[in-house]
């Protein structure tokens, strides 16, 4: 649940990464002694984390966003997102065309049949090539993924540990190629992808970029629910895992305004675990990483504006 990036829940590519992480397993590799629960700690941070989990369980990305930041700061985040979207350079024509063609394919009346016609021979070819190289390939890919995670400056230390555990879980799950090459599972996933694309109703990239902040989060919720269903088709029951979240305070600041909550739930036959820092603002508990990420993004924007002003040429003096 720990997320950190300048726009946090507002950035589509950040949500894409979040969805992939959740769908790939969310397994934390325990490499240090576990902190003990704090006796008598207030339950508000725990309740806040459980509410975040419930929002993900419901596939409500907008609600998750609302629970991550206080109302005033969330409004600042939405305004920042709008400013950054307005300042984003035009997307390359080739990327626009690829997106539009993909959505046209996914929403066509015969989408499922066409996609399966393309996927079936590829699955058959993969099944014929499965052997010792499969395990080697999984190991190499997991190594590359861990290297990328460790080098990602947008991830906090807790997030990097969490994400590395995700890769470990996926590597174990992906060790059985039959899960990924099963025709019935693939057909079910295609049907879900088609249904999700139709529900998204974003035929062009321009339509997606024109969305307002909360509307974008609602669309992200549709995509997230579809992604969970696809994961379930391949044997990863994210929904069941999120329904079994357990949380407890393991660190409480003397001020009473900061806590670290340990989050646990079962997935893929293993115990998922990570630490989520929480901070109290105006009586409510919120994700500390989301609060910090917004502050950093606003500071970076202010610094960029100041640099632009300093670099601007001085006005010419009148004769």
C-alpha atoms as a PDB file:
ATOM      1  CA  UNK A   1       0.000   0.000   0.000  1.00  0.00           C
ATOM      2  CA  UNK A   2       2.977   2.254   0.352  1.00  0.00           C
ATOM      3  CA  UNK A   3       3.235   4.538  -2.698  1.00  0.00           C
ATOM      4  CA  UNK A   4       5.451   7.510  -3.361  1.00  0.00           C
ATOM      5  CA  UNK A   5       5.905   9.647  -6.457  1.00  0.00           C
ATOM      6  CA  UNK A   6       5.456  13.368  -7.213  1.00  0.00           C
ATOM      7  CA  UNK A   7       1.840  12.927  -8.226  1.00  0.00           C
ATOM      8  CA  UNK A   8       1.257   9.715  -6.306  1.00  0.00           C
ATOM      9  CA  UNK A   9      -2.250   8.461  -7.097  1.00  0.00           C
ATOM     10  CA  UNK A  10      -2.668  11.113  -9.759  1.00  0.00           C
ATOM     11  CA  UNK A  11      -0.144   9.814 -12.231  1.00  0.00           C
ATOM     12  CA  UNK A  12      -1.439   7.154 -14.615  1.00  0.00           C
ATOM     13  CA  UNK A  13       1.958   5.467 -15.072  1.00  0.00           C
ATOM     14  CA  UNK A  14       2.363   5.347 -11.294  1.00  0.00           C
ATOM     15  CA  UNK A  15      -0.984   3.578 -11.033  1.00  0.00           C
ATOM     16  CA  UNK A  16       0.067   1.226 -13.787  1.00  0.00           C
ATOM     17  CA  UNK A  17       3.084   0.250 -11.717  1.00  0.00           C
ATOM     18  CA  UNK A  18       0.937  -0.062  -8.582  1.00  0.00           C
ATOM     19  CA  UNK A  19      -1.527  -2.356 -10.369  1.00  0.00           C
ATOM     20  CA  UNK A  20       1.287  -4.540 -11.662  1.00  0.00           C
ATOM     21  CA  UNK A  21       2.819  -4.784  -8.201  1.00  0.00           C
ATOM     22  CA  UNK A  22      -0.481  -5.734  -6.606  1.00  0.00           C
ATOM     23  CA  UNK A  23      -1.308  -8.241  -9.300  1.00  0.00           C
ATOM     24  CA  UNK A  24       2.131  -9.821  -9.221  1.00  0.00           C
ATOM     25  CA  UNK A  25       1.870 -10.842  -5.621  1.00  0.00           C
ATOM     26  CA  UNK A  26       2.779  -8.184  -3.057  1.00  0.00           C
ATOM     27  CA  UNK A  27       5.099 -10.518  -1.124  1.00  0.00           C
ATOM     28  CA  UNK A  28       7.547  -8.960   1.340  1.00  0.00           C
ATOM     29  CA  UNK A  29      10.733 -10.914   1.997  1.00  0.00           C
ATOM     30  CA  UNK A  30      11.351 -10.666   5.751  1.00  0.00           C
ATOM     31  CA  UNK A  31      15.065  -9.975   6.167  1.00  0.00           C
ATOM     32  CA  UNK A  32      15.177  -8.464   9.648  1.00  0.00           C
ATOM     33  CA  UNK A  33      13.724  -9.064  13.069  1.00  0.00           C
ATOM     34  CA  UNK A  34      10.065  -8.082  13.208  1.00  0.00           C
ATOM     35  CA  UNK A  35       9.152  -5.128  15.431  1.00  0.00           C
ATOM     36  CA  UNK A  36       6.773  -5.983  18.261  1.00  0.00           C
ATOM     37  CA  UNK A  37       3.301  -4.410  18.407  1.00  0.00           C
ATOM     38  CA  UNK A  38       3.025  -1.328  20.622  1.00  0.00           C
ATOM     39  CA  UNK A  39       0.781  -2.138  23.576  1.00  0.00           C
ATOM     40  CA  UNK A  40      -2.000   0.362  24.121  1.00  0.00           C
ATOM     41  CA  UNK A  41      -1.369   2.120  20.810  1.00  0.00           C
ATOM     42  CA  UNK A  42      -4.350   4.025  19.399  1.00  0.00           C
ATOM     43  CA  UNK A  43      -6.349   2.141  16.781  1.00  0.00           C
ATOM     44  CA  UNK A  44      -6.923   5.112  14.487  1.00  0.00           C
ATOM     45  CA  UNK A  45      -3.811   4.409  12.328  1.00  0.00           C
ATOM     46  CA  UNK A  46      -4.896   0.780  12.037  1.00  0.00           C
ATOM     47  CA  UNK A  47      -8.407   1.794  11.041  1.00  0.00           C
ATOM     48  CA  UNK A  48      -6.970   4.171   8.428  1.00  0.00           C
ATOM     49  CA  UNK A  49      -4.858   1.412   6.878  1.00  0.00           C
ATOM     50  CA  UNK A  50      -7.806  -0.989   6.909  1.00  0.00           C
ATOM     51  CA  UNK A  51      -9.894   1.644   5.119  1.00  0.00           C
ATOM     52  CA  UNK A  52      -7.214   1.950   2.445  1.00  0.00           C
ATOM     53  CA  UNK A  53      -7.261  -1.814   1.994  1.00  0.00           C
ATOM     54  CA  UNK A  54     -11.049  -1.797   1.793  1.00  0.00           C
ATOM     55  CA  UNK A  55     -10.902   0.840  -0.950  1.00  0.00           C
ATOM     56  CA  UNK A  56      -8.536  -1.360  -2.954  1.00  0.00           C
ATOM     57  CA  UNK A  57     -10.711  -4.391  -2.301  1.00  0.00           C
ATOM     58  CA  UNK A  58     -13.652  -2.477  -3.748  1.00  0.00           C
ATOM     59  CA  UNK A  59     -11.500  -1.282  -6.639  1.00  0.00           C
ATOM     60  CA  UNK A  60     -12.297   2.324  -5.691  1.00  0.00           C
ATOM     61  CA  UNK A  61      -9.166   4.239  -6.671  1.00  0.00           C
ATOM     62  CA  UNK A  62     -10.791   7.611  -6.023  1.00  0.00           C
ATOM     63  CA  UNK A  63     -11.623   6.559  -2.467  1.00  0.00           C
ATOM     64  CA  UNK A  64      -8.057   5.337  -1.985  1.00  0.00           C
ATOM     65  CA  UNK A  65      -6.856   8.778  -3.089  1.00  0.00           C
ATOM     66  CA  UNK A  66      -9.246  10.504  -0.703  1.00  0.00           C
ATOM     67  CA  UNK A  67      -8.006   8.386   2.204  1.00  0.00           C
ATOM     68  CA  UNK A  68      -4.349   8.998   1.386  1.00  0.00           C
ATOM     69  CA  UNK A  69      -4.300  12.761   1.915  1.00  0.00           C
ATOM     70  CA  UNK A  70      -6.208  15.341   3.998  1.00  0.00           C
ATOM     71  CA  UNK A  71      -8.884  17.184   1.977  1.00  0.00           C
ATOM     72  CA  UNK A  72      -6.907  20.430   1.597  1.00  0.00           C
ATOM     73  CA  UNK A  73      -3.771  18.646   0.441  1.00  0.00           C
ATOM     74  CA  UNK A  74      -5.709  16.404  -1.881  1.00  0.00           C
ATOM     75  CA  UNK A  75      -7.129  19.547  -3.510  1.00  0.00           C
ATOM     76  CA  UNK A  76      -3.556  20.789  -3.922  1.00  0.00           C
ATOM     77  CA  UNK A  77      -2.632  17.484  -5.512  1.00  0.00           C
ATOM     78  CA  UNK A  78      -5.509  17.700  -7.990  1.00  0.00           C
ATOM     79  CA  UNK A  79      -4.524  21.268  -8.908  1.00  0.00           C
ATOM     80  CA  UNK A  80      -0.895  20.230  -9.341  1.00  0.00           C
ATOM     81  CA  UNK A  81      -1.965  17.338 -11.555  1.00  0.00           C
ATOM     82  CA  UNK A  82      -3.976  19.712 -13.762  1.00  0.00           C
ATOM     83  CA  UNK A  83      -1.026  22.106 -14.080  1.00  0.00           C
ATOM     84  CA  UNK A  84       1.366  19.320 -14.979  1.00  0.00           C
ATOM     85  CA  UNK A  85      -1.034  17.819 -17.489  1.00  0.00           C
ATOM     86  CA  UNK A  86      -1.411  21.228 -19.134  1.00  0.00           C
ATOM     87  CA  UNK A  87       2.383  21.595 -19.310  1.00  0.00           C
ATOM     88  CA  UNK A  88       2.986  18.100 -20.706  1.00  0.00           C
ATOM     89  CA  UNK A  89       4.374  18.232 -24.275  1.00  0.00           C
ATOM     90  CA  UNK A  90       2.244  16.676 -27.022  1.00  0.00           C
ATOM     91  CA  UNK A  91       2.570  12.908 -27.219  1.00  0.00           C
ATOM     92  CA  UNK A  92       4.286  11.482 -30.284  1.00  0.00           C
ATOM     93  CA  UNK A  93       1.901  10.695 -33.121  1.00  0.00           C
ATOM     94  CA  UNK A  94       3.047   7.070 -33.181  1.00  0.00           C
ATOM     95  CA  UNK A  95       2.127   6.565 -29.520  1.00  0.00           C
ATOM     96  CA  UNK A  96      -1.254   8.183 -30.054  1.00  0.00           C
ATOM     97  CA  UNK A  97      -1.911   5.917 -33.013  1.00  0.00           C
ATOM     98  CA  UNK A  98      -0.893   2.781 -31.095  1.00  0.00           C
ATOM     99  CA  UNK A  99      -3.207   3.643 -28.202  1.00  0.00           C
ATOM    100  CA  UNK A 100      -6.126   4.426 -30.489  1.00  0.00           C
ATOM    101  CA  UNK A 101      -5.622   1.245 -32.513  1.00  0.00           C
ATOM    102  CA  UNK A 102      -5.389  -0.871 -29.360  1.00  0.00           C
ATOM    103  CA  UNK A 103      -8.617   0.541 -27.952  1.00  0.00           C
ATOM    104  CA  UNK A 104     -10.334   0.062 -31.300  1.00  0.00           C
ATOM    105  CA  UNK A 105      -9.234  -3.580 -31.299  1.00  0.00           C
ATOM    106  CA  UNK A 106     -10.327  -4.201 -27.697  1.00  0.00           C
ATOM    107  CA  UNK A 107     -13.751  -2.643 -28.205  1.00  0.00           C
ATOM    108  CA  UNK A 108     -14.546  -4.099 -31.626  1.00  0.00           C
ATOM    109  CA  UNK A 109     -17.639  -6.367 -31.813  1.00  0.00           C
ATOM    110  CA  UNK A 110     -15.421  -9.367 -32.630  1.00  0.00           C
ATOM    111  CA  UNK A 111     -12.618  -8.389 -30.250  1.00  0.00           C
ATOM    112  CA  UNK A 112     -12.494 -11.645 -28.283  1.00  0.00           C
ATOM    113  CA  UNK A 113     -12.375 -13.824 -31.401  1.00  0.00           C
ATOM    114  CA  UNK A 114      -9.687 -11.704 -33.052  1.00  0.00           C
ATOM    115  CA  UNK A 115      -7.509 -11.550 -29.945  1.00  0.00           C
ATOM    116  CA  UNK A 116      -7.804 -15.288 -29.345  1.00  0.00           C
ATOM    117  CA  UNK A 117      -6.906 -15.998 -32.978  1.00  0.00           C
ATOM    118  CA  UNK A 118      -3.658 -14.103 -32.383  1.00  0.00           C
ATOM    119  CA  UNK A 119      -2.972 -15.534 -28.924  1.00  0.00           C
ATOM    120  CA  UNK A 120      -3.701 -19.234 -29.566  1.00  0.00           C
ATOM    121  CA  UNK A 121      -0.741 -19.987 -31.892  1.00  0.00           C
ATOM    122  CA  UNK A 122       1.600 -18.001 -29.665  1.00  0.00           C
ATOM    123  CA  UNK A 123       0.556 -20.012 -26.612  1.00  0.00           C
ATOM    124  CA  UNK A 124       1.020 -23.240 -28.548  1.00  0.00           C
ATOM    125  CA  UNK A 125       4.520 -22.153 -29.576  1.00  0.00           C
ATOM    126  CA  UNK A 126       5.423 -21.285 -25.995  1.00  0.00           C
ATOM    127  CA  UNK A 127       4.142 -24.645 -24.748  1.00  0.00           C
ATOM    128  CA  UNK A 128       6.416 -26.431 -27.222  1.00  0.00           C
ATOM    129  CA  UNK A 129       9.443 -24.428 -26.112  1.00  0.00           C
ATOM    130  CA  UNK A 130       8.946 -24.842 -22.361  1.00  0.00           C
ATOM    131  CA  UNK A 131      11.910 -26.501 -20.725  1.00  0.00           C
ATOM    132  CA  UNK A 132      14.938 -25.677 -18.583  1.00  0.00           C
ATOM    133  CA  UNK A 133      15.231 -22.287 -20.269  1.00  0.00           C
ATOM    134  CA  UNK A 134      11.889 -21.258 -18.761  1.00  0.00           C
ATOM    135  CA  UNK A 135      13.220 -21.302 -15.202  1.00  0.00           C
ATOM    136  CA  UNK A 136      16.397 -19.579 -16.320  1.00  0.00           C
ATOM    137  CA  UNK A 137      14.376 -16.870 -18.030  1.00  0.00           C
ATOM    138  CA  UNK A 138      12.212 -16.313 -14.953  1.00  0.00           C
ATOM    139  CA  UNK A 139      15.333 -16.004 -12.793  1.00  0.00           C
ATOM    140  CA  UNK A 140      16.933 -13.508 -15.168  1.00  0.00           C
ATOM    141  CA  UNK A 141      13.804 -11.388 -15.434  1.00  0.00           C
ATOM    142  CA  UNK A 142      13.369 -11.303 -11.662  1.00  0.00           C
ATOM    143  CA  UNK A 143      17.004 -10.204 -11.324  1.00  0.00           C
ATOM    144  CA  UNK A 144      16.502  -7.400 -13.842  1.00  0.00           C
ATOM    145  CA  UNK A 145      13.334  -6.306 -12.051  1.00  0.00           C
ATOM    146  CA  UNK A 146      15.055  -6.161  -8.668  1.00  0.00           C
ATOM    147  CA  UNK A 147      17.888  -4.100 -10.138  1.00  0.00           C
ATOM    148  CA  UNK A 148      15.407  -1.635 -11.616  1.00  0.00           C
ATOM    149  CA  UNK A 149      13.534  -1.393  -8.313  1.00  0.00           C
ATOM    150  CA  UNK A 150      16.734  -0.706  -6.360  1.00  0.00           C
ATOM    151  CA  UNK A 151      17.689   2.039  -8.834  1.00  0.00           C
ATOM    152  CA  UNK A 152      14.272   3.752  -8.844  1.00  0.00           C
ATOM    153  CA  UNK A 153      14.655   7.098  -7.018  1.00  0.00           C
ATOM    154  CA  UNK A 154      10.878   7.557  -6.751  1.00  0.00           C
ATOM    155  CA  UNK A 155      10.532   4.598  -4.381  1.00  0.00           C
ATOM    156  CA  UNK A 156      11.116   4.846  -0.650  1.00  0.00           C
ATOM    157  CA  UNK A 157      13.201   2.220   1.149  1.00  0.00           C
ATOM    158  CA  UNK A 158      10.035   0.501   2.383  1.00  0.00           C
ATOM    159  CA  UNK A 159       8.585   0.483  -1.123  1.00  0.00           C
ATOM    160  CA  UNK A 160      11.763  -0.986  -2.578  1.00  0.00           C
ATOM    161  CA  UNK A 161      11.713  -3.775  -0.005  1.00  0.00           C
ATOM    162  CA  UNK A 162       8.040  -4.377  -0.707  1.00  0.00           C
ATOM    163  CA  UNK A 163       8.515  -4.392  -4.476  1.00  0.00           C
ATOM    164  CA  UNK A 164      11.515  -6.728  -4.268  1.00  0.00           C
ATOM    165  CA  UNK A 165       9.347  -9.127  -2.304  1.00  0.00           C
ATOM    166  CA  UNK A 166       6.752  -8.866  -5.055  1.00  0.00           C
ATOM    167  CA  UNK A 167       9.295 -10.045  -7.571  1.00  0.00           C
ATOM    168  CA  UNK A 168      10.268 -12.983  -5.347  1.00  0.00           C
ATOM    169  CA  UNK A 169       6.652 -14.096  -5.093  1.00  0.00           C
ATOM    170  CA  UNK A 170       6.081 -13.762  -8.813  1.00  0.00           C
ATOM    171  CA  UNK A 171       9.217 -15.701  -9.621  1.00  0.00           C
ATOM    172  CA  UNK A 172       7.899 -18.597  -7.561  1.00  0.00           C
ATOM    173  CA  UNK A 173       4.436 -18.352  -9.093  1.00  0.00           C
ATOM    174  CA  UNK A 174       5.739 -18.029 -12.661  1.00  0.00           C
ATOM    175  CA  UNK A 175       7.915 -21.098 -12.227  1.00  0.00           C
ATOM    176  CA  UNK A 176       4.967 -23.174 -13.433  1.00  0.00           C
ATOM    177  CA  UNK A 177       4.551 -22.254 -17.125  1.00  0.00           C
ATOM    178  CA  UNK A 178       1.247 -24.121 -17.321  1.00  0.00           C
ATOM    179  CA  UNK A 179      -0.416 -21.269 -15.417  1.00  0.00           C
ATOM    180  CA  UNK A 180       0.556 -18.773 -18.108  1.00  0.00           C
ATOM    181  CA  UNK A 181       0.020 -20.960 -21.159  1.00  0.00           C
ATOM    182  CA  UNK A 182      -3.319 -22.544 -20.204  1.00  0.00           C
ATOM    183  CA  UNK A 183      -5.731 -21.756 -23.090  1.00  0.00           C
ATOM    184  CA  UNK A 184      -8.787 -21.572 -20.807  1.00  0.00           C
ATOM    185  CA  UNK A 185      -7.094 -19.035 -18.533  1.00  0.00           C
ATOM    186  CA  UNK A 186      -5.917 -17.008 -21.514  1.00  0.00           C
ATOM    187  CA  UNK A 187      -9.402 -16.915 -23.041  1.00  0.00           C
ATOM    188  CA  UNK A 188     -10.890 -15.813 -19.723  1.00  0.00           C
ATOM    189  CA  UNK A 189      -8.277 -13.045 -19.444  1.00  0.00           C
ATOM    190  CA  UNK A 190      -9.021 -11.846 -22.972  1.00  0.00           C
ATOM    191  CA  UNK A 191     -12.742 -11.670 -22.208  1.00  0.00           C
ATOM    192  CA  UNK A 192     -12.038  -9.599 -19.077  1.00  0.00           C
ATOM    193  CA  UNK A 193      -9.683  -7.263 -20.950  1.00  0.00           C
ATOM    194  CA  UNK A 194     -12.296  -6.661 -23.637  1.00  0.00           C
ATOM    195  CA  UNK A 195     -15.033  -6.044 -21.083  1.00  0.00           C
ATOM    196  CA  UNK A 196     -12.800  -3.637 -19.160  1.00  0.00           C
ATOM    197  CA  UNK A 197     -11.833  -1.677 -22.280  1.00  0.00           C
ATOM    198  CA  UNK A 198     -15.483  -1.239 -23.204  1.00  0.00           C
ATOM    199  CA  UNK A 199     -16.321  -0.050 -19.704  1.00  0.00           C
ATOM    200  CA  UNK A 200     -13.437   2.435 -19.783  1.00  0.00           C
ATOM    201  CA  UNK A 201     -14.955   4.076 -22.875  1.00  0.00           C
ATOM    202  CA  UNK A 202     -11.740   5.891 -23.837  1.00  0.00           C
ATOM    203  CA  UNK A 203     -11.517   5.404 -27.609  1.00  0.00           C
ATOM    204  CA  UNK A 204      -8.644   7.853 -28.058  1.00  0.00           C
ATOM    205  CA  UNK A 205      -5.652   9.068 -26.096  1.00  0.00           C
ATOM    206  CA  UNK A 206      -6.987  12.609 -26.379  1.00  0.00           C
ATOM    207  CA  UNK A 207     -10.128  11.478 -24.546  1.00  0.00           C
ATOM    208  CA  UNK A 208      -8.010  10.019 -21.770  1.00  0.00           C
ATOM    209  CA  UNK A 209      -5.886  13.154 -21.453  1.00  0.00           C
ATOM    210  CA  UNK A 210      -8.988  15.349 -21.310  1.00  0.00           C
ATOM    211  CA  UNK A 211     -10.267  13.716 -18.121  1.00  0.00           C
ATOM    212  CA  UNK A 212     -10.529  15.740 -14.938  1.00  0.00           C
ATOM    213  CA  UNK A 213      -8.664  14.497 -11.871  1.00  0.00           C
ATOM    214  CA  UNK A 214     -11.455  12.554 -10.151  1.00  0.00           C
ATOM    215  CA  UNK A 215     -12.770  11.251 -13.473  1.00  0.00           C
ATOM    216  CA  UNK A 216      -9.274   9.950 -14.216  1.00  0.00           C
ATOM    217  CA  UNK A 217      -9.238   8.148 -10.864  1.00  0.00           C
ATOM    218  CA  UNK A 218     -12.647   6.630 -11.611  1.00  0.00           C
ATOM    219  CA  UNK A 219     -11.291   5.286 -14.899  1.00  0.00           C
ATOM    220  CA  UNK A 220      -8.236   3.987 -13.022  1.00  0.00           C
ATOM    221  CA  UNK A 221     -10.645   2.161 -10.734  1.00  0.00           C
ATOM    222  CA  UNK A 222     -12.236   0.429 -13.711  1.00  0.00           C
ATOM    223  CA  UNK A 223      -8.807  -0.603 -14.971  1.00  0.00           C
ATOM    224  CA  UNK A 224      -7.787  -1.791 -11.499  1.00  0.00           C
ATOM    225  CA  UNK A 225     -10.879  -3.947 -11.084  1.00  0.00           C
ATOM    226  CA  UNK A 226     -10.284  -5.436 -14.513  1.00  0.00           C
ATOM    227  CA  UNK A 227      -6.639  -6.108 -13.695  1.00  0.00           C
ATOM    228  CA  UNK A 228      -7.628  -7.887 -10.478  1.00  0.00           C
ATOM    229  CA  UNK A 229     -10.007 -10.084 -12.438  1.00  0.00           C
ATOM    230  CA  UNK A 230      -7.316 -10.913 -14.992  1.00  0.00           C
ATOM    231  CA  UNK A 231      -4.945 -11.816 -12.173  1.00  0.00           C
ATOM    232  CA  UNK A 232      -7.621 -14.080 -10.719  1.00  0.00           C
ATOM    233  CA  UNK A 233      -7.979 -15.820 -14.079  1.00  0.00           C
ATOM    234  CA  UNK A 234      -4.311 -16.768 -13.802  1.00  0.00           C
ATOM    235  CA  UNK A 235      -4.562 -17.938 -10.214  1.00  0.00           C
ATOM    236  CA  UNK A 236      -3.651 -14.778  -8.288  1.00  0.00           C
ATOM    237  CA  UNK A 237      -6.579 -13.957  -6.008  1.00  0.00           C
ATOM    238  CA  UNK A 238      -5.833 -10.340  -5.077  1.00  0.00           C
ATOM    239  CA  UNK A 239      -9.432  -9.783  -3.992  1.00  0.00           C
ATOM    240  CA  UNK A 240      -9.295 -12.524  -1.366  1.00  0.00           C
ATOM    241  CA  UNK A 241      -5.932 -11.269  -0.155  1.00  0.00           C
ATOM    242  CA  UNK A 242      -7.174  -7.712   0.331  1.00  0.00           C
ATOM    243  CA  UNK A 243     -10.187  -8.988   2.240  1.00  0.00           C
ATOM    244  CA  UNK A 244      -7.878 -10.569   4.815  1.00  0.00           C
ATOM    245  CA  UNK A 245      -5.689  -7.586   5.636  1.00  0.00           C
ATOM    246  CA  UNK A 246      -4.496  -7.402   9.234  1.00  0.00           C
ATOM    247  CA  UNK A 247      -2.784  -4.327  10.679  1.00  0.00           C
ATOM    248  CA  UNK A 248      -1.125  -3.386  13.941  1.00  0.00           C
ATOM    249  CA  UNK A 249       0.905  -0.431  15.207  1.00  0.00           C
ATOM    250  CA  UNK A 250       4.571  -1.374  15.685  1.00  0.00           C
ATOM    251  CA  UNK A 251       5.998   2.110  16.195  1.00  0.00           C
ATOM    252  CA  UNK A 252       4.434   5.199  17.784  1.00  0.00           C
ATOM    253  CA  UNK A 253       6.098   8.603  17.933  1.00  0.00           C
ATOM    254  CA  UNK A 254       6.092  10.224  21.402  1.00  0.00           C
ATOM    255  CA  UNK A 255       4.127  13.122  19.941  1.00  0.00           C
ATOM    256  CA  UNK A 256       1.347  10.704  19.017  1.00  0.00           C
ATOM    257  CA  UNK A 257       1.206  12.178  15.512  1.00  0.00           C
ATOM    258  CA  UNK A 258       3.183   9.524  13.667  1.00  0.00           C
ATOM    259  CA  UNK A 259       2.882   5.745  13.637  1.00  0.00           C
ATOM    260  CA  UNK A 260       4.229   2.813  11.668  1.00  0.00           C
ATOM    261  CA  UNK A 261       1.672   0.110  10.916  1.00  0.00           C
ATOM    262  CA  UNK A 262       2.579  -3.446   9.974  1.00  0.00           C
ATOM    263  CA  UNK A 263       0.262  -4.777   7.277  1.00  0.00           C
ATOM    264  CA  UNK A 264      -0.177  -8.507   6.669  1.00  0.00           C
ATOM    265  CA  UNK A 265      -2.296 -10.725   4.464  1.00  0.00           C
ATOM    266  CA  UNK A 266      -1.980 -14.118   2.747  1.00  0.00           C
ATOM    267  CA  UNK A 267      -1.317 -14.427  -0.965  1.00  0.00           C
ATOM    268  CA  UNK A 268      -0.030 -17.206  -3.209  1.00  0.00           C
ATOM    269  CA  UNK A 269       0.406 -19.446  -0.205  1.00  0.00           C
ATOM    270  CA  UNK A 270       2.725 -16.994   1.510  1.00  0.00           C
ATOM    271  CA  UNK A 271       2.396 -14.184   4.033  1.00  0.00           C
ATOM    272  CA  UNK A 272       2.532 -10.692   2.576  1.00  0.00           C
ATOM    273  CA  UNK A 273       3.972  -8.125   4.945  1.00  0.00           C
ATOM    274  CA  UNK A 274       5.110  -4.507   4.767  1.00  0.00           C
ATOM    275  CA  UNK A 275       5.405  -1.454   7.002  1.00  0.00           C
ATOM    276  CA  UNK A 276       3.240   1.589   6.289  1.00  0.00           C
ATOM    277  CA  UNK A 277       4.191   4.912   7.951  1.00  0.00           C
ATOM    278  CA  UNK A 278       1.143   6.990   8.882  1.00  0.00           C
ATOM    279  CA  UNK A 279       0.885  10.614  10.041  1.00  0.00           C
ATOM    280  CA  UNK A 280      -1.919  12.437  11.865  1.00  0.00           C
ATOM    281  CA  UNK A 281      -3.107  15.709  10.335  1.00  0.00           C
ATOM    282  CA  UNK A 282      -6.121  17.635  11.650  1.00  0.00           C
ATOM    283  CA  UNK A 283      -7.221  14.601  13.615  1.00  0.00           C
ATOM    284  CA  UNK A 284      -7.087  12.143  10.682  1.00  0.00           C
ATOM    285  CA  UNK A 285      -4.452   9.550   9.826  1.00  0.00           C
ATOM    286  CA  UNK A 286      -2.950   9.505   6.339  1.00  0.00           C
ATOM    287  CA  UNK A 287      -0.143   7.834   4.412  1.00  0.00           C
ATOM    288  CA  UNK A 288       3.061   9.640   5.299  1.00  0.00           C
ATOM    289  CA  UNK A 289       4.645   8.858   1.954  1.00  0.00           C
ATOM    290  CA  UNK A 290       1.724  10.456   0.095  1.00  0.00           C
ATOM    291  CA  UNK A 291       1.970  13.582   2.256  1.00  0.00           C
ATOM    292  CA  UNK A 292       5.735  13.813   1.725  1.00  0.00           C
ATOM    293  CA  UNK A 293       5.484  13.139  -2.001  1.00  0.00           C
ATOM    294  CA  UNK A 294       3.035  16.002  -2.476  1.00  0.00           C
ATOM    295  CA  UNK A 295       5.225  18.388  -0.479  1.00  0.00           C
ATOM    296  CA  UNK A 296       8.250  17.401  -2.570  1.00  0.00           C
ATOM    297  CA  UNK A 297       6.335  17.810  -5.831  1.00  0.00           C
ATOM    298  CA  UNK A 298       5.097  21.291  -4.871  1.00  0.00           C
ATOM    299  CA  UNK A 299       8.603  22.305  -3.804  1.00  0.00           C
ATOM    300  CA  UNK A 300      10.042  21.039  -7.082  1.00  0.00           C
ATOM    301  CA  UNK A 301       7.419  22.967  -9.030  1.00  0.00           C
ATOM    302  CA  UNK A 302       8.223  26.166  -7.112  1.00  0.00           C
ATOM    303  CA  UNK A 303      11.949  25.675  -7.671  1.00  0.00           C
ATOM    304  CA  UNK A 304      11.417  25.080 -11.377  1.00  0.00           C
ATOM    305  CA  UNK A 305       9.343  28.256 -11.650  1.00  0.00           C
ATOM    306  CA  UNK A 306      12.020  30.226  -9.822  1.00  0.00           C
ATOM    307  CA  UNK A 307      14.733  28.879 -12.122  1.00  0.00           C
ATOM    308  CA  UNK A 308      12.666  29.774 -15.170  1.00  0.00           C
ATOM    309  CA  UNK A 309      12.224  33.314 -13.883  1.00  0.00           C
ATOM    310  CA  UNK A 310      15.950  33.672 -13.164  1.00  0.00           C
ATOM    311  CA  UNK A 311      16.861  32.410 -16.632  1.00  0.00           C
ATOM    312  CA  UNK A 312      14.411  34.703 -18.424  1.00  0.00           C
ATOM    313  CA  UNK A 313      16.147  37.527 -20.367  1.00  0.00           C
ATOM    314  CA  UNK A 314      15.946  40.963 -18.802  1.00  0.00           C
ATOM    315  CA  UNK A 315      13.569  43.371 -20.524  1.00  0.00           C
ATOM    316  CA  UNK A 316      15.252  45.815 -22.904  1.00  0.00           C
ATOM    317  CA  UNK A 317      15.641  49.344 -21.594  1.00  0.00           C
ATOM    318  CA  UNK A 318      13.849  52.078 -23.445  1.00  0.00           C
ATOM    319  CA  UNK A 319      16.151  54.497 -25.271  1.00  0.00           C
END
